[in-house]
Amino acid sequence: MTRVLNFSDGFTSTTAPTGAGGAQENYTIANNASGSSILTLSSATTKTAFIDYELIRVTSLGTFAQAGTLIAAYDTSWLLTEGNYQGDEMLVSAITNTEHVKLILNSSTGVLTYNSGNMSGTGYIGTFKINIVRIAA
């Protein structure tokens, strides 16, 4: 179905507008992982990405959850900046507790990877849900 828009100046449009916006993306966070890939940001198409996230890790022994913001920006290399968050402190620069996750954004390729702690217990579930808005290059 095509939507027809008629403007007051007489212009008629039958095509959808183009643009980039946000969309939720869901990723699995494996238990005791090292260097696992999440996503890739291309500097050819994206210069900045604003990311709202929800990170949840669960086992039979407990639930940990963190929600917050990240900004990935490209000038001559990629840089990841962590913003405010709520909940448990899970995104860290060094894994010292089992629930911790370390994000690594490769400064030249834009590949976002992670390392995760080894949570004990049964029924492990790890999710990283993001709403990402990519700003076009």
C-alpha atoms as a PDB file:
ATOM      1  CA  MET A   1       0.000   0.000   0.000  1.00  0.00           C
ATOM      2  CA  THR A   2       1.374   3.385  -0.985  1.00  0.00           C
ATOM      3  CA  ARG A   3       0.560   6.439   1.023  1.00  0.00           C
ATOM      4  CA  VAL A   4      -0.117   9.598  -0.998  1.00  0.00           C
ATOM      5  CA  LEU A   5       0.622  12.954   0.611  1.00  0.00           C
ATOM      6  CA  ASN A   6      -0.693  16.171  -0.888  1.00  0.00           C
ATOM      7  CA  PHE A   7       1.003  19.373   0.247  1.00  0.00           C
ATOM      8  CA  SER A   8      -0.538  22.850   0.239  1.00  0.00           C
ATOM      9  CA  ASP A   9       1.916  24.077  -2.402  1.00  0.00           C
ATOM     10  CA  GLY A  10       0.618  21.447  -4.862  1.00  0.00           C
ATOM     11  CA  PHE A  11       3.450  18.928  -4.417  1.00  0.00           C
ATOM     12  CA  THR A  12       2.322  15.287  -4.186  1.00  0.00           C
ATOM     13  CA  SER A  13       4.477  12.533  -2.700  1.00  0.00           C
ATOM     14  CA  THR A  14       3.870   8.821  -3.155  1.00  0.00           C
ATOM     15  CA  THR A  15       7.139   7.564  -1.699  1.00  0.00           C
ATOM     16  CA  ALA A  16       8.075   7.064   1.930  1.00  0.00           C
ATOM     17  CA  PRO A  17      10.544   9.548   3.393  1.00  0.00           C
ATOM     18  CA  THR A  18      14.119   8.373   3.882  1.00  0.00           C
ATOM     19  CA  GLY A  19      15.955   8.685   7.159  1.00  0.00           C
ATOM     20  CA  ALA A  20      17.665   6.800   9.905  1.00  0.00           C
ATOM     21  CA  GLY A  21      16.167   6.299  13.298  1.00  0.00           C
ATOM     22  CA  GLY A  22      16.279   3.984  16.225  1.00  0.00           C
ATOM     23  CA  ALA A  23      15.315   0.351  16.405  1.00  0.00           C
ATOM     24  CA  GLN A  24      15.628  -2.164  19.218  1.00  0.00           C
ATOM     25  CA  GLU A  25      18.275  -4.802  18.704  1.00  0.00           C
ATOM     26  CA  ASN A  26      18.604  -7.863  20.956  1.00  0.00           C
ATOM     27  CA  TYR A  27      21.841  -9.698  21.665  1.00  0.00           C
ATOM     28  CA  THR A  28      22.718 -12.704  23.815  1.00  0.00           C
ATOM     29  CA  ILE A  29      25.454 -12.312  26.410  1.00  0.00           C
ATOM     30  CA  ALA A  30      27.126 -15.690  26.839  1.00  0.00           C
ATOM     31  CA  ASN A  31      28.404 -16.827  30.222  1.00  0.00           C
ATOM     32  CA  ASN A  32      32.184 -16.622  30.702  1.00  0.00           C
ATOM     33  CA  ALA A  33      32.781 -15.263  27.189  1.00  0.00           C
ATOM     34  CA  SER A  34      35.904 -13.639  25.778  1.00  0.00           C
ATOM     35  CA  GLY A  35      35.973 -11.489  22.646  1.00  0.00           C
ATOM     36  CA  SER A  36      32.421 -12.273  21.556  1.00  0.00           C
ATOM     37  CA  SER A  37      31.095  -9.941  18.853  1.00  0.00           C
ATOM     38  CA  ILE A  38      27.922  -7.882  19.331  1.00  0.00           C
ATOM     39  CA  LEU A  39      27.730  -5.483  16.381  1.00  0.00           C
ATOM     40  CA  THR A  40      29.784  -3.473  13.911  1.00  0.00           C
ATOM     41  CA  LEU A  41      29.614   0.273  13.337  1.00  0.00           C
ATOM     42  CA  SER A  42      30.854   1.363   9.918  1.00  0.00           C
ATOM     43  CA  SER A  43      32.643   4.720   9.786  1.00  0.00           C
ATOM     44  CA  ALA A  44      31.659   4.917   6.106  1.00  0.00           C
ATOM     45  CA  THR A  45      27.980   5.189   7.025  1.00  0.00           C
ATOM     46  CA  THR A  46      27.933   6.224  10.709  1.00  0.00           C
ATOM     47  CA  LYS A  47      29.871   8.875  12.618  1.00  0.00           C
ATOM     48  CA  THR A  48      27.976   8.739  15.921  1.00  0.00           C
ATOM     49  CA  ALA A  49      25.697   6.189  17.557  1.00  0.00           C
ATOM     50  CA  PHE A  50      23.577   6.889  20.626  1.00  0.00           C
ATOM     51  CA  ILE A  51      22.751   3.686  22.484  1.00  0.00           C
ATOM     52  CA  ASP A  52      20.231   3.138  25.271  1.00  0.00           C
ATOM     53  CA  TYR A  53      20.697  -0.326  26.724  1.00  0.00           C
ATOM     54  CA  GLU A  54      19.327  -2.887  29.147  1.00  0.00           C
ATOM     55  CA  LEU A  55      21.765  -5.583  30.310  1.00  0.00           C
ATOM     56  CA  ILE A  56      20.362  -8.528  32.277  1.00  0.00           C
ATOM     57  CA  ARG A  57      22.202 -11.623  33.529  1.00  0.00           C
ATOM     58  CA  VAL A  58      20.308 -14.305  35.462  1.00  0.00           C
ATOM     59  CA  THR A  59      21.063 -17.661  37.068  1.00  0.00           C
ATOM     60  CA  SER A  60      19.307 -19.691  39.767  1.00  0.00           C
ATOM     61  CA  LEU A  61      21.495 -17.823  42.288  1.00  0.00           C
ATOM     62  CA  GLY A  62      20.437 -14.296  41.363  1.00  0.00           C
ATOM     63  CA  THR A  63      19.492 -11.613  38.877  1.00  0.00           C
ATOM     64  CA  PHE A  64      21.582  -8.604  37.882  1.00  0.00           C
ATOM     65  CA  ALA A  65      20.263  -5.754  35.729  1.00  0.00           C
ATOM     66  CA  GLN A  66      21.657  -2.459  34.470  1.00  0.00           C
ATOM     67  CA  ALA A  67      20.102   0.136  32.158  1.00  0.00           C
ATOM     68  CA  GLY A  68      21.941   3.133  30.796  1.00  0.00           C
ATOM     69  CA  THR A  69      23.432   4.981  27.852  1.00  0.00           C
ATOM     70  CA  LEU A  70      26.495   4.676  25.626  1.00  0.00           C
ATOM     71  CA  ILE A  71      27.857   6.919  22.883  1.00  0.00           C
ATOM     72  CA  ALA A  72      30.090   5.609  20.102  1.00  0.00           C
ATOM     73  CA  ALA A  73      31.750   8.315  18.027  1.00  0.00           C
ATOM     74  CA  TYR A  74      34.142   8.285  15.074  1.00  0.00           C
ATOM     75  CA  ASP A  75      36.589  11.047  14.164  1.00  0.00           C
ATOM     76  CA  THR A  76      39.814   9.364  13.084  1.00  0.00           C
ATOM     77  CA  SER A  77      39.071   6.344  15.295  1.00  0.00           C
ATOM     78  CA  TRP A  78      36.133   4.891  17.248  1.00  0.00           C
ATOM     79  CA  LEU A  79      35.632   5.835  20.893  1.00  0.00           C
ATOM     80  CA  LEU A  80      33.015   4.401  23.272  1.00  0.00           C
ATOM     81  CA  THR A  81      31.813   6.576  26.161  1.00  0.00           C
ATOM     82  CA  GLU A  82      29.612   5.270  28.956  1.00  0.00           C
ATOM     83  CA  GLY A  83      26.921   7.554  30.328  1.00  0.00           C
ATOM     84  CA  ASN A  84      24.653   7.353  33.329  1.00  0.00           C
ATOM     85  CA  TYR A  85      23.113   4.058  34.376  1.00  0.00           C
ATOM     86  CA  GLN A  86      20.626   2.621  36.863  1.00  0.00           C
ATOM     87  CA  GLY A  87      20.680  -0.703  38.638  1.00  0.00           C
ATOM     88  CA  ASP A  88      23.615  -2.991  39.308  1.00  0.00           C
ATOM     89  CA  GLU A  89      27.080  -1.929  38.173  1.00  0.00           C
ATOM     90  CA  MET A  90      27.703  -4.500  35.451  1.00  0.00           C
ATOM     91  CA  LEU A  91      29.507  -2.722  32.592  1.00  0.00           C
ATOM     92  CA  VAL A  92      33.044  -2.324  33.883  1.00  0.00           C
ATOM     93  CA  SER A  93      36.581  -1.792  32.580  1.00  0.00           C
ATOM     94  CA  ALA A  94      37.896  -4.927  34.354  1.00  0.00           C
ATOM     95  CA  ILE A  95      35.909  -8.036  35.313  1.00  0.00           C
ATOM     96  CA  THR A  96      36.206  -8.554  39.071  1.00  0.00           C
ATOM     97  CA  ASN A  97      32.764 -10.027  39.840  1.00  0.00           C
ATOM     98  CA  THR A  98      30.931 -12.848  38.098  1.00  0.00           C
ATOM     99  CA  GLU A  99      28.100 -10.612  36.813  1.00  0.00           C
ATOM    100  CA  HIS A 100      30.454  -8.103  35.153  1.00  0.00           C
ATOM    101  CA  VAL A 101      30.637  -7.458  31.416  1.00  0.00           C
ATOM    102  CA  LYS A 102      33.408  -5.530  29.671  1.00  0.00           C
ATOM    103  CA  LEU A 103      32.593  -3.870  26.335  1.00  0.00           C
ATOM    104  CA  ILE A 104      35.418  -3.290  23.856  1.00  0.00           C
ATOM    105  CA  LEU A 105      34.943  -1.091  20.762  1.00  0.00           C
ATOM    106  CA  ASN A 106      37.768  -1.658  18.276  1.00  0.00           C
ATOM    107  CA  SER A 107      39.037   1.840  17.506  1.00  0.00           C
ATOM    108  CA  SER A 108      39.789   1.103  13.841  1.00  0.00           C
ATOM    109  CA  THR A 109      37.144  -1.434  12.734  1.00  0.00           C
ATOM    110  CA  GLY A 110      34.141  -0.331  14.839  1.00  0.00           C
ATOM    111  CA  VAL A 111      33.502  -3.906  16.010  1.00  0.00           C
ATOM    112  CA  LEU A 112      31.909  -4.004  19.478  1.00  0.00           C
ATOM    113  CA  THR A 113      32.863  -7.120  21.451  1.00  0.00           C
ATOM    114  CA  TYR A 114      32.505  -8.178  25.061  1.00  0.00           C
ATOM    115  CA  ASN A 115      34.019 -10.303  27.789  1.00  0.00           C
ATOM    116  CA  SER A 116      31.769 -11.617  30.568  1.00  0.00           C
ATOM    117  CA  GLY A 117      32.260 -13.055  34.019  1.00  0.00           C
ATOM    118  CA  ASN A 118      31.480 -16.674  34.893  1.00  0.00           C
ATOM    119  CA  MET A 119      28.149 -16.726  36.750  1.00  0.00           C
ATOM    120  CA  SER A 120      27.525 -19.905  38.704  1.00  0.00           C
ATOM    121  CA  GLY A 121      24.137 -21.542  39.182  1.00  0.00           C
ATOM    122  CA  THR A 122      21.749 -23.096  36.697  1.00  0.00           C
ATOM    123  CA  GLY A 123      19.452 -21.713  34.028  1.00  0.00           C
ATOM    124  CA  TYR A 124      21.771 -18.942  32.816  1.00  0.00           C
ATOM    125  CA  ILE A 125      20.218 -16.194  30.669  1.00  0.00           C
ATOM    126  CA  GLY A 126      22.126 -13.149  29.436  1.00  0.00           C
ATOM    127  CA  THR A 127      20.571 -10.401  27.314  1.00  0.00           C
ATOM    128  CA  PHE A 128      21.778  -7.058  25.995  1.00  0.00           C
ATOM    129  CA  LYS A 129      18.909  -5.079  24.496  1.00  0.00           C
ATOM    130  CA  ILE A 130      19.726  -1.805  22.813  1.00  0.00           C
ATOM    131  CA  ASN A 131      17.896   1.013  21.139  1.00  0.00           C
ATOM    132  CA  ILE A 132      20.461   2.531  18.814  1.00  0.00           C
ATOM    133  CA  VAL A 133      20.249   5.708  16.776  1.00  0.00           C
ATOM    134  CA  ARG A 134      22.949   5.927  14.120  1.00  0.00           C
ATOM    135  CA  ILE A 135      23.843   9.379  12.839  1.00  0.00           C
ATOM    136  CA  ALA A 136      24.726   9.205   9.150  1.00  0.00           C
ATOM    137  CA  ALA A 137      28.202  10.155   7.933  1.00  0.00           C
END
